[in-house]
Amino acid sequence: MSQNQGDEMEYVANADDNEMADVEDDIYFRGRAFGESDSDEDDDDEYDPLENRITDTTAAEARRGKDIQGIPWDRLSISREKYRQTRLEQYKNYENIPQSGERSEKECKSTEKGGMYYDFWQNTRSVKSTILHFQLRNLVWSTSKHDVYLVSHYSIVHWSSLNSKRSEVLNVSGHVAPCEKHPGSLLEGFTQTQISTLAVRDKLLIAGGFQGELICKYLDRPGVSFCSRTTYEDNAITNAVEIYEHPSGAVHFMASNNDGGVRDFDLERFQLSKHFCFPWPVNHTSLSPDSKLIAIVGDNPEGMLVDSQTGKTITPLCGHLDYSFASAWHPDGRIFATGNQDKTCRVWDVRNLSQSVAVLKGNLGAIRSIRFTSDGQFMAMAEPADFVHVYDAKRGFEKEQEIDFFGEISGVSFSPDTESLFIGVWDRTYGSLLQYNRRRNYSYLDAL
């Protein structure tokens, strides 16, 4: 993962200043420049004259024609269709290997659009998801069809769509220290942690930081249970965290780091159980459902499938043309997917890894987040901005639903029961949380 951000942030496409200059009340869609100070982020309202007039959007309002993000297109000097075309033409995808997106197109599978698997339910502006590093987008996690956790500046917040309440779960702007004593835990804790990644499962929340921090909190216990620093090297950022149940029944989590390390922690004893080292920064890892294999991707066009017990490479994954930042396993344990800055998601079958089963293409840029539903029916892949694609995995990824909006994507998450899909949208004016609910056909009700 890139360490220096500077000019790399040019990839975030801004609306044309001249074109939008005469827009009433100076409405615009554009991401805040990554790397701005947090004082700038806290002053969002200075740049947001419509803050108190842009309301949430419900499914009923959307059916009556209201834009799902509350964007008043009838008052703008540009239509939605024209602005979409402008974004498609001007959005600059960040690449570590030049022209990787163009060169990958020839292998891409053509898919049928028009699938309708999840229906828009609501857009909530009460919670604004934020992004700290432009390549890391695992900052939204759902634990039920009503409950979702996300990063907002220095806070991790919980949103309940059932009662429309927002609550702060953890604030890392000041000093955070564990209130429990465990061997290896840093009792002095951390100060002003910059959260780079998040994982929440059942009652456990784990946040990873820019300096290799790992903060573990049980949602049903007060305070923080465990703090650890994976490494003291300069290249320490925690790129991804995955929580899983070990075959022994104990809860474990796996952390992927920029120092090339993959570390497995046993949370029953709060101890490091395994540490594997790889020759390049590891941006994401996913453990197979039977816990035997790990898909590993990072700052190398080739990923790898490794043995979870020994860390030894079973086979390289060849095909991507740039660096990868996302991976996920289908619950059947045979299929897994990887997302890359070459604008593609590759689907692999463990029975034949000589080539990928399918190469799925994004519209704007890198595939930075991938999720499967727990029943294996659908797979969601998120681009850096504007598009989330939901594929029918059980039918060979032949058909997709394309969810289309405006703004950078901080993360996507299906609820464990597959009923909800949450999408974090990061934008100075229209930052929000989108919720889609699974479409169900109740034919017996229609018959009645």
Protein backbone atom coordinates (compact mmCIF):
# COMPACT_ATOMS: atom_id res chain seq x y z
CA MET A 1 0.00 0.00 0.00
CA SER A 2 1.27 3.43 -0.89
CA GLN A 3 2.88 5.36 1.91
CA ASN A 4 2.97 8.82 0.33
CA GLN A 5 -0.36 10.35 -0.51
CA GLY A 6 0.41 13.88 -1.82
CA ASP A 7 -0.37 14.15 -5.51
CA GLU A 8 -1.80 10.64 -5.56
CA MET A 9 -5.05 12.16 -4.42
CA GLU A 10 -5.59 13.73 -7.84
CA TYR A 11 -7.48 10.56 -8.74
CA VAL A 12 -10.48 11.86 -6.83
CA ALA A 13 -12.55 13.47 -9.56
CA ASN A 14 -13.97 16.87 -8.68
CA ALA A 15 -16.88 18.52 -10.38
CA ASP A 16 -15.78 21.07 -12.94
CA ASP A 17 -15.54 24.34 -11.03
CA ASN A 18 -16.77 26.51 -13.89
CA GLU A 19 -19.65 24.19 -14.68
CA MET A 20 -20.83 24.13 -11.08
CA ALA A 21 -20.03 27.76 -10.21
CA ASP A 22 -23.52 29.08 -10.81
CA VAL A 23 -25.26 26.32 -8.91
CA GLU A 24 -27.69 27.64 -6.35
CA ASP A 25 -26.21 27.76 -2.84
CA ASP A 26 -22.91 26.44 -4.22
CA ILE A 27 -23.93 22.76 -4.10
CA TYR A 28 -21.21 20.39 -5.27
CA PHE A 29 -20.17 16.77 -5.06
CA ARG A 30 -16.54 16.25 -4.41
CA GLY A 31 -14.50 14.44 -1.86
CA ARG A 32 -12.50 16.43 0.64
CA ALA A 33 -8.81 16.19 -0.23
CA PHE A 34 -7.44 13.25 1.70
CA GLY A 35 -4.77 14.31 4.08
CA GLU A 36 -6.51 17.51 5.20
CA SER A 37 -6.13 18.07 8.91
CA ASP A 38 -8.84 16.89 11.23
CA SER A 39 -9.56 20.49 12.13
CA ASP A 40 -10.54 20.95 8.49
CA GLU A 41 -12.77 17.89 8.71
CA ASP A 42 -14.42 19.16 11.86
CA ASP A 43 -15.26 22.41 10.09
CA ASP A 44 -17.30 20.71 7.38
CA ASP A 45 -20.32 22.84 8.11
CA GLU A 46 -18.49 25.95 6.92
CA TYR A 47 -18.50 24.39 3.46
CA ASP A 48 -21.96 22.90 3.74
CA PRO A 49 -24.63 25.63 3.45
CA LEU A 50 -27.35 23.03 2.84
CA GLU A 51 -26.35 20.88 5.85
CA ASN A 52 -29.63 21.48 7.65
CA ARG A 53 -31.80 21.39 4.53
CA ILE A 54 -30.66 18.14 2.92
CA THR A 55 -32.86 15.54 4.53
CA ASP A 56 -32.78 11.78 4.74
CA THR A 57 -34.49 9.88 1.94
CA THR A 58 -36.90 7.00 2.45
CA ALA A 59 -37.92 4.28 0.03
CA ALA A 60 -41.38 5.85 -0.31
CA GLU A 61 -39.86 9.23 -1.25
CA ALA A 62 -37.53 7.57 -3.76
CA ARG A 63 -40.50 5.84 -5.40
CA ARG A 64 -42.12 9.27 -5.76
CA GLY A 65 -39.07 10.54 -7.64
CA LYS A 66 -36.83 12.02 -4.96
CA ASP A 67 -33.11 11.44 -5.52
CA ILE A 68 -31.87 8.79 -3.08
CA GLN A 69 -29.13 11.16 -1.85
CA GLY A 70 -31.42 14.18 -1.70
CA ILE A 71 -29.60 15.92 -4.56
CA PRO A 72 -31.91 18.62 -6.02
CA TRP A 73 -31.13 18.04 -9.70
CA ASP A 74 -33.95 20.32 -10.80
CA ARG A 75 -32.08 23.23 -9.20
CA LEU A 76 -28.66 22.41 -10.62
CA SER A 77 -27.10 23.66 -13.82
CA ILE A 78 -26.34 20.08 -14.84
CA SER A 79 -28.56 17.02 -15.14
CA ARG A 80 -27.85 13.78 -13.32
CA GLU A 81 -27.22 12.01 -16.62
CA LYS A 82 -24.75 14.67 -17.76
CA TYR A 83 -22.96 14.68 -14.43
CA ARG A 84 -22.71 10.89 -14.47
CA GLN A 85 -21.13 11.04 -17.90
CA THR A 86 -18.70 13.71 -16.70
CA ARG A 87 -17.67 11.53 -13.77
CA LEU A 88 -17.13 8.51 -16.01
CA GLU A 89 -14.95 10.56 -18.32
CA GLN A 90 -12.97 12.51 -15.72
CA TYR A 91 -12.56 10.25 -12.69
CA LYS A 92 -8.89 9.35 -12.40
CA ASN A 93 -8.29 5.82 -11.15
CA TYR A 94 -5.18 5.55 -9.00
CA GLU A 95 -2.70 3.02 -10.37
CA ASN A 96 0.66 1.83 -9.08
CA ILE A 97 1.33 0.22 -12.47
CA PRO A 98 0.47 2.58 -15.36
CA GLN A 99 -2.29 1.62 -17.82
CA SER A 100 -3.23 -1.46 -15.79
CA GLY A 101 -6.92 -0.58 -16.09
CA GLU A 102 -6.79 -0.25 -19.86
CA ARG A 103 -4.81 -3.44 -20.35
CA SER A 104 -7.18 -5.49 -18.20
CA GLU A 105 -10.27 -4.72 -20.29
CA LYS A 106 -9.70 -7.38 -22.95
CA GLU A 107 -10.13 -10.19 -20.39
CA CYS A 108 -13.28 -8.84 -18.78
CA LYS A 109 -16.49 -10.81 -18.84
CA SER A 110 -19.56 -9.05 -20.20
CA THR A 111 -22.38 -9.26 -17.70
CA GLU A 112 -26.08 -8.61 -18.03
CA LYS A 113 -27.17 -5.55 -16.08
CA GLY A 114 -30.62 -4.97 -14.71
CA GLY A 115 -30.67 -7.45 -11.84
CA MET A 116 -32.77 -6.33 -8.87
CA TYR A 117 -31.63 -8.17 -5.77
CA TYR A 118 -31.62 -5.37 -3.19
CA ASP A 119 -34.09 -2.47 -3.08
CA PHE A 120 -33.26 1.01 -1.81
CA TRP A 121 -34.57 1.41 1.72
CA GLN A 122 -33.13 4.63 3.12
CA ASN A 123 -30.31 7.14 2.98
CA THR A 124 -29.25 8.38 6.41
CA ARG A 125 -27.28 11.59 6.74
CA SER A 126 -27.16 11.39 10.54
CA VAL A 127 -24.06 9.20 10.23
CA LYS A 128 -21.22 10.31 7.99
CA SER A 129 -18.61 7.73 7.20
CA THR A 130 -15.09 9.04 6.63
CA ILE A 131 -11.95 7.68 4.98
CA LEU A 132 -8.40 8.26 6.19
CA HIS A 133 -6.38 6.44 3.54
CA PHE A 134 -7.60 6.49 -0.04
CA GLN A 135 -6.73 2.84 -0.73
CA LEU A 136 -8.30 1.31 2.39
CA ARG A 137 -12.09 0.98 2.36
CA ASN A 138 -13.01 -1.57 5.04
CA LEU A 139 -14.68 0.88 7.39
CA VAL A 140 -18.33 -0.28 7.46
CA TRP A 141 -19.57 -3.47 9.18
CA SER A 142 -23.10 -4.73 9.80
CA THR A 143 -23.95 -7.12 12.64
CA SER A 144 -27.69 -7.38 11.92
CA LYS A 145 -30.18 -6.09 9.38
CA HIS A 146 -30.69 -3.06 11.65
CA ASP A 147 -27.22 -2.53 13.14
CA VAL A 148 -24.12 -1.13 11.46
CA TYR A 149 -20.77 0.19 12.72
CA LEU A 150 -18.61 2.68 10.87
CA VAL A 151 -15.70 5.08 11.25
CA SER A 152 -16.46 8.80 11.45
CA HIS A 153 -13.31 10.86 11.96
CA TYR A 154 -11.84 9.73 15.33
CA SER A 155 -14.99 7.86 16.35
CA ILE A 156 -16.46 4.46 15.72
CA VAL A 157 -20.22 4.89 15.75
CA HIS A 158 -23.18 2.53 15.83
CA TRP A 159 -26.29 3.23 13.81
CA SER A 160 -29.59 1.50 14.45
CA SER A 161 -31.97 1.76 11.52
CA LEU A 162 -34.67 0.24 13.71
CA ASN A 163 -34.93 3.25 15.99
CA SER A 164 -32.90 5.75 13.92
CA LYS A 165 -30.36 6.29 16.69
CA ARG A 166 -26.65 7.06 16.42
CA SER A 167 -24.31 6.30 19.32
CA GLU A 168 -20.57 6.54 19.79
CA VAL A 169 -18.95 3.20 20.60
CA LEU A 170 -15.30 4.24 20.78
CA ASN A 171 -13.53 7.58 20.57
CA VAL A 172 -9.80 7.43 19.81
CA SER A 173 -9.13 11.17 19.52
CA GLY A 174 -7.57 11.20 22.97
CA HIS A 175 -5.97 8.50 25.10
CA VAL A 176 -7.28 4.93 24.88
CA ALA A 177 -5.94 2.23 27.23
CA PRO A 178 -7.11 -1.30 28.06
CA CYS A 179 -9.06 -1.78 31.27
CA GLU A 180 -8.20 -5.49 31.35
CA LYS A 181 -4.77 -7.02 31.94
CA HIS A 182 -3.52 -9.59 29.45
CA PRO A 183 0.04 -10.73 28.66
CA GLY A 184 1.38 -8.73 25.73
CA SER A 185 -1.23 -6.00 26.01
CA LEU A 186 0.09 -2.45 26.00
CA LEU A 187 -1.30 -1.12 29.26
CA GLU A 188 -0.21 2.41 28.36
CA GLY A 189 -2.54 2.26 25.33
CA PHE A 190 -2.52 4.76 22.47
CA THR A 191 -3.13 8.45 21.90
CA GLN A 192 -4.90 9.91 18.85
CA THR A 193 -5.12 6.70 16.85
CA GLN A 194 -5.70 7.17 13.15
CA ILE A 195 -8.04 4.32 12.22
CA SER A 196 -7.13 2.64 8.94
CA THR A 197 -9.37 -0.43 9.10
CA LEU A 198 -12.25 -1.88 11.10
CA ALA A 199 -13.86 -5.27 11.70
CA VAL A 200 -16.94 -6.08 13.79
CA ARG A 201 -18.40 -9.53 14.34
CA ASP A 202 -20.93 -10.61 16.94
CA LYS A 203 -19.90 -8.67 20.07
CA LEU A 204 -16.29 -8.00 19.11
CA LEU A 205 -14.89 -4.84 17.49
CA ILE A 206 -11.30 -4.49 16.30
CA ALA A 207 -9.78 -1.28 14.94
CA GLY A 208 -6.42 -1.12 13.18
CA GLY A 209 -4.27 2.00 13.01
CA PHE A 210 -1.65 3.79 10.93
CA GLN A 211 1.14 2.94 13.38
CA GLY A 212 0.34 -0.76 13.56
CA GLU A 213 -2.14 -0.32 16.42
CA LEU A 214 -4.75 -2.95 17.20
CA ILE A 215 -7.56 -2.03 19.58
CA CYS A 216 -10.00 -4.76 20.70
CA LYS A 217 -13.30 -3.96 22.35
CA TYR A 218 -16.19 -6.20 23.33
CA LEU A 219 -19.40 -4.32 22.65
CA ASP A 220 -21.08 -5.78 25.73
CA ARG A 221 -18.24 -4.74 28.07
CA PRO A 222 -17.20 -1.27 29.20
CA GLY A 223 -13.86 0.09 28.02
CA VAL A 224 -11.25 -1.56 25.82
CA SER A 225 -10.08 -5.13 26.44
CA PHE A 226 -6.78 -5.31 24.58
CA CYS A 227 -4.27 -3.02 22.88
CA SER A 228 -1.31 -4.18 20.84
CA ARG A 229 1.13 -2.80 18.30
CA THR A 230 2.03 -5.24 15.55
CA THR A 231 5.36 -3.61 14.76
CA TYR A 232 7.39 -0.50 15.54
CA GLU A 233 8.71 -0.19 12.00
CA ASP A 234 7.93 2.98 10.06
CA ASN A 235 5.99 0.96 7.50
CA ALA A 236 3.54 -0.25 10.10
CA ILE A 237 0.00 0.51 8.95
CA THR A 238 -2.65 -2.13 9.64
CA ASN A 239 -4.33 -2.58 6.27
CA ALA A 240 -7.05 -5.10 7.12
CA VAL A 241 -8.46 -7.20 9.96
CA GLU A 242 -10.60 -10.33 9.75
CA ILE A 243 -12.39 -11.87 12.75
CA TYR A 244 -13.17 -15.57 12.53
CA GLU A 245 -13.99 -18.63 14.61
CA HIS A 246 -11.08 -21.05 14.92
CA PRO A 247 -11.84 -24.79 14.50
CA SER A 248 -11.19 -25.09 18.25
CA GLY A 249 -14.15 -22.81 18.87
CA ALA A 250 -12.03 -19.87 20.05
CA VAL A 251 -12.39 -16.46 18.43
CA HIS A 252 -9.34 -15.35 16.45
CA PHE A 253 -8.52 -12.42 14.24
CA MET A 254 -6.00 -11.99 11.46
CA ALA A 255 -4.24 -8.69 10.79
CA SER A 256 -2.60 -7.72 7.48
CA ASN A 257 0.20 -5.16 7.63
CA ASN A 258 2.35 -3.01 5.41
CA ASP A 259 5.50 -4.58 6.87
CA GLY A 260 4.64 -7.78 4.95
CA GLY A 261 3.33 -9.50 8.05
CA VAL A 262 0.17 -11.53 8.58
CA ARG A 263 -0.48 -12.05 12.29
CA ASP A 264 -3.06 -14.31 13.88
CA PHE A 265 -4.29 -13.53 17.41
CA ASP A 266 -6.15 -15.87 19.76
CA LEU A 267 -8.67 -13.74 21.62
CA GLU A 268 -9.43 -16.41 24.19
CA ARG A 269 -5.94 -15.81 25.61
CA PHE A 270 -5.27 -12.46 23.91
CA GLN A 271 -2.05 -13.78 22.44
CA LEU A 272 -0.30 -13.81 19.07
CA SER A 273 -0.59 -17.38 17.77
CA LYS A 274 1.01 -17.14 14.31
CA HIS A 275 3.16 -14.67 12.40
CA PHE A 276 3.87 -15.14 8.68
CA CYS A 277 6.13 -12.85 6.65
CA PHE A 278 5.79 -12.09 2.95
CA PRO A 279 8.04 -10.17 0.54
CA TRP A 280 5.67 -7.26 -0.04
CA PRO A 281 3.10 -5.21 1.92
CA VAL A 282 -0.01 -7.31 2.58
CA ASN A 283 -3.14 -5.27 1.90
CA HIS A 284 -5.79 -7.89 2.60
CA THR A 285 -6.17 -11.51 3.69
CA SER A 286 -9.19 -13.81 3.76
CA LEU A 287 -9.42 -17.15 5.52
CA SER A 288 -11.34 -19.99 3.83
CA PRO A 289 -14.48 -21.21 5.62
CA ASP A 290 -12.71 -24.43 6.71
CA SER A 291 -9.79 -22.34 8.06
CA LYS A 292 -7.23 -24.27 5.97
CA LEU A 293 -6.34 -21.71 3.30
CA ILE A 294 -5.57 -18.00 3.27
CA ALA A 295 -5.96 -15.79 0.20
CA ILE A 296 -3.31 -13.07 0.39
CA VAL A 297 -3.09 -9.95 -1.78
CA GLY A 298 -0.94 -6.85 -1.60
CA ASP A 299 1.60 -4.66 -3.35
CA ASN A 300 2.28 -7.23 -6.05
CA PRO A 301 0.21 -8.10 -9.15
CA GLU A 302 0.40 -11.75 -8.11
CA GLY A 303 -1.53 -12.81 -5.05
CA MET A 304 -1.10 -16.14 -3.36
CA LEU A 305 -2.96 -18.94 -1.69
CA VAL A 306 -1.14 -20.17 1.42
CA ASP A 307 -1.48 -22.88 4.04
CA SER A 308 -3.00 -21.36 7.17
CA GLN A 309 -0.94 -23.56 9.50
CA THR A 310 2.50 -23.08 7.96
CA GLY A 311 2.19 -19.91 5.89
CA LYS A 312 3.76 -21.75 2.95
CA THR A 313 2.60 -20.81 -0.53
CA ILE A 314 0.38 -23.40 -2.18
CA THR A 315 0.05 -21.55 -5.46
CA PRO A 316 0.46 -18.02 -6.83
CA LEU A 317 -2.60 -16.23 -8.21
CA CYS A 318 -1.65 -14.87 -11.63
CA GLY A 319 -3.74 -12.54 -13.75
CA HIS A 320 -4.12 -9.14 -12.09
CA LEU A 321 -2.03 -6.31 -13.53
CA ASP A 322 -1.71 -4.02 -10.50
CA TYR A 323 -1.83 -4.11 -6.69
CA SER A 324 -4.79 -5.72 -4.92
CA PHE A 325 -6.69 -4.44 -1.87
CA ALA A 326 -9.65 -6.77 -1.44
CA SER A 327 -10.44 -10.48 -1.13
CA ALA A 328 -13.32 -12.64 0.08
CA TRP A 329 -14.37 -16.29 0.21
CA HIS A 330 -17.66 -17.73 -0.91
CA PRO A 331 -19.19 -19.70 1.98
CA ASP A 332 -18.90 -22.94 -0.01
CA GLY A 333 -15.10 -22.78 0.38
CA ARG A 334 -14.44 -23.43 -3.31
CA ILE A 335 -14.76 -19.94 -4.75
CA PHE A 336 -12.98 -16.78 -3.68
CA ALA A 337 -12.51 -13.35 -5.22
CA THR A 338 -9.78 -10.69 -5.35
CA GLY A 339 -10.11 -6.97 -6.13
CA ASN A 340 -7.42 -4.94 -7.86
CA GLN A 341 -6.44 -1.45 -8.98
CA ASP A 342 -6.61 -2.70 -12.58
CA LYS A 343 -10.38 -2.09 -12.19
CA THR A 344 -11.18 -5.80 -12.00
CA CYS A 345 -12.42 -8.40 -9.57
CA ARG A 346 -11.18 -11.90 -10.37
CA VAL A 347 -13.14 -14.93 -9.24
CA TRP A 348 -11.10 -18.08 -8.53
CA ASP A 349 -11.95 -21.76 -8.06
CA VAL A 350 -9.58 -23.71 -5.77
CA ARG A 351 -10.01 -26.80 -7.97
CA ASN A 352 -8.21 -25.05 -10.85
CA LEU A 353 -6.15 -21.98 -10.02
CA SER A 354 -4.28 -21.80 -13.32
CA GLN A 355 -6.67 -19.05 -14.36
CA SER A 356 -9.58 -17.15 -12.87
CA VAL A 357 -13.15 -18.28 -13.45
CA ALA A 358 -14.36 -14.76 -14.24
CA VAL A 359 -12.92 -11.26 -14.62
CA LEU A 360 -15.49 -8.62 -13.60
CA LYS A 361 -14.92 -4.98 -14.54
CA GLY A 362 -15.59 -1.79 -12.65
CA ASN A 363 -16.76 1.46 -14.27
CA LEU A 364 -14.57 4.07 -12.61
CA GLY A 365 -11.70 2.49 -10.79
CA ALA A 366 -10.12 -0.07 -8.48
CA ILE A 367 -12.15 -2.77 -6.74
CA ARG A 368 -11.43 -1.91 -3.11
CA SER A 369 -13.98 -4.00 -1.22
CA ILE A 370 -15.63 -7.40 -1.82
CA ARG A 371 -18.31 -9.18 0.23
CA PHE A 372 -20.34 -12.39 -0.21
CA THR A 373 -23.71 -12.95 1.41
CA SER A 374 -23.69 -15.68 4.06
CA ASP A 375 -25.96 -17.87 1.91
CA GLY A 376 -23.60 -17.56 -1.06
CA GLN A 377 -26.29 -16.14 -3.34
CA PHE A 378 -24.71 -12.74 -3.99
CA MET A 379 -21.35 -10.98 -4.15
CA ALA A 380 -20.91 -7.22 -3.81
CA MET A 381 -17.86 -5.44 -5.17
CA ALA A 382 -17.29 -1.76 -4.49
CA GLU A 383 -15.32 0.69 -6.59
CA PRO A 384 -13.58 3.68 -4.96
CA ALA A 385 -16.61 5.83 -5.71
CA ASP A 386 -20.11 5.92 -7.20
CA PHE A 387 -20.69 2.23 -7.95
CA VAL A 388 -21.40 -0.96 -6.02
CA HIS A 389 -22.03 -4.04 -8.15
CA VAL A 390 -24.10 -6.94 -6.77
CA TYR A 391 -23.66 -10.19 -8.72
CA ASP A 392 -25.74 -13.34 -8.69
CA ALA A 393 -22.95 -15.68 -7.58
CA LYS A 394 -25.07 -18.81 -7.78
CA ARG A 395 -25.67 -18.21 -11.47
CA GLY A 396 -22.06 -17.82 -12.44
CA PHE A 397 -21.77 -14.02 -12.11
CA GLU A 398 -23.66 -13.63 -15.39
CA LYS A 399 -26.04 -10.96 -14.12
CA GLU A 400 -25.60 -7.95 -11.86
CA GLN A 401 -27.39 -5.14 -10.12
CA GLU A 402 -25.54 -1.86 -10.44
CA ILE A 403 -26.10 0.53 -7.54
CA ASP A 404 -25.34 4.04 -8.76
CA PHE A 405 -24.82 7.17 -6.60
CA PHE A 406 -22.19 9.90 -6.11
CA GLY A 407 -19.38 9.93 -3.55
CA GLU A 408 -16.37 8.00 -2.33
CA ILE A 409 -17.16 4.60 -0.80
CA SER A 410 -15.81 3.90 2.69
CA GLY A 411 -17.05 0.32 2.80
CA VAL A 412 -19.87 -2.12 2.05
CA SER A 413 -21.38 -4.77 4.29
CA PHE A 414 -24.15 -7.34 4.04
CA SER A 415 -25.94 -8.13 7.27
CA PRO A 416 -25.23 -11.67 8.52
CA ASP A 417 -28.80 -12.74 7.63
CA THR A 418 -28.32 -11.28 4.08
CA GLU A 419 -31.39 -9.05 4.49
CA SER A 420 -29.56 -5.69 4.35
CA LEU A 421 -26.72 -4.12 2.40
CA PHE A 422 -25.08 -1.02 3.86
CA ILE A 423 -22.87 1.38 1.88
CA GLY A 424 -20.82 4.15 3.48
CA VAL A 425 -20.63 7.32 1.34
CA TRP A 426 -17.94 9.90 2.04
CA ASP A 427 -18.58 13.37 0.65
CA ARG A 428 -18.31 16.85 2.08
CA THR A 429 -21.92 17.70 1.31
CA TYR A 430 -23.67 14.39 0.74
CA GLY A 431 -21.82 12.03 3.09
CA SER A 432 -24.23 9.41 4.42
CA LEU A 433 -25.10 5.76 4.94
CA LEU A 434 -27.13 3.99 2.26
CA GLN A 435 -29.24 0.98 3.17
CA TYR A 436 -30.68 -1.51 0.69
CA ASN A 437 -32.94 -4.39 1.70
CA ARG A 438 -33.09 -7.76 0.00
CA ARG A 439 -35.92 -8.11 -2.47
CA ARG A 440 -38.27 -10.94 -1.58
CA ASN A 441 -41.03 -12.40 -3.71
CA TYR A 442 -43.87 -13.44 -1.46
CA SER A 443 -45.98 -15.17 -4.07
CA TYR A 444 -48.32 -16.65 -1.46
CA LEU A 445 -49.30 -13.12 -0.39
CA ASP A 446 -49.95 -12.17 -3.99
CA ALA A 447 -52.19 -15.21 -4.31
CA LEU A 448 -54.18 -14.10 -1.28
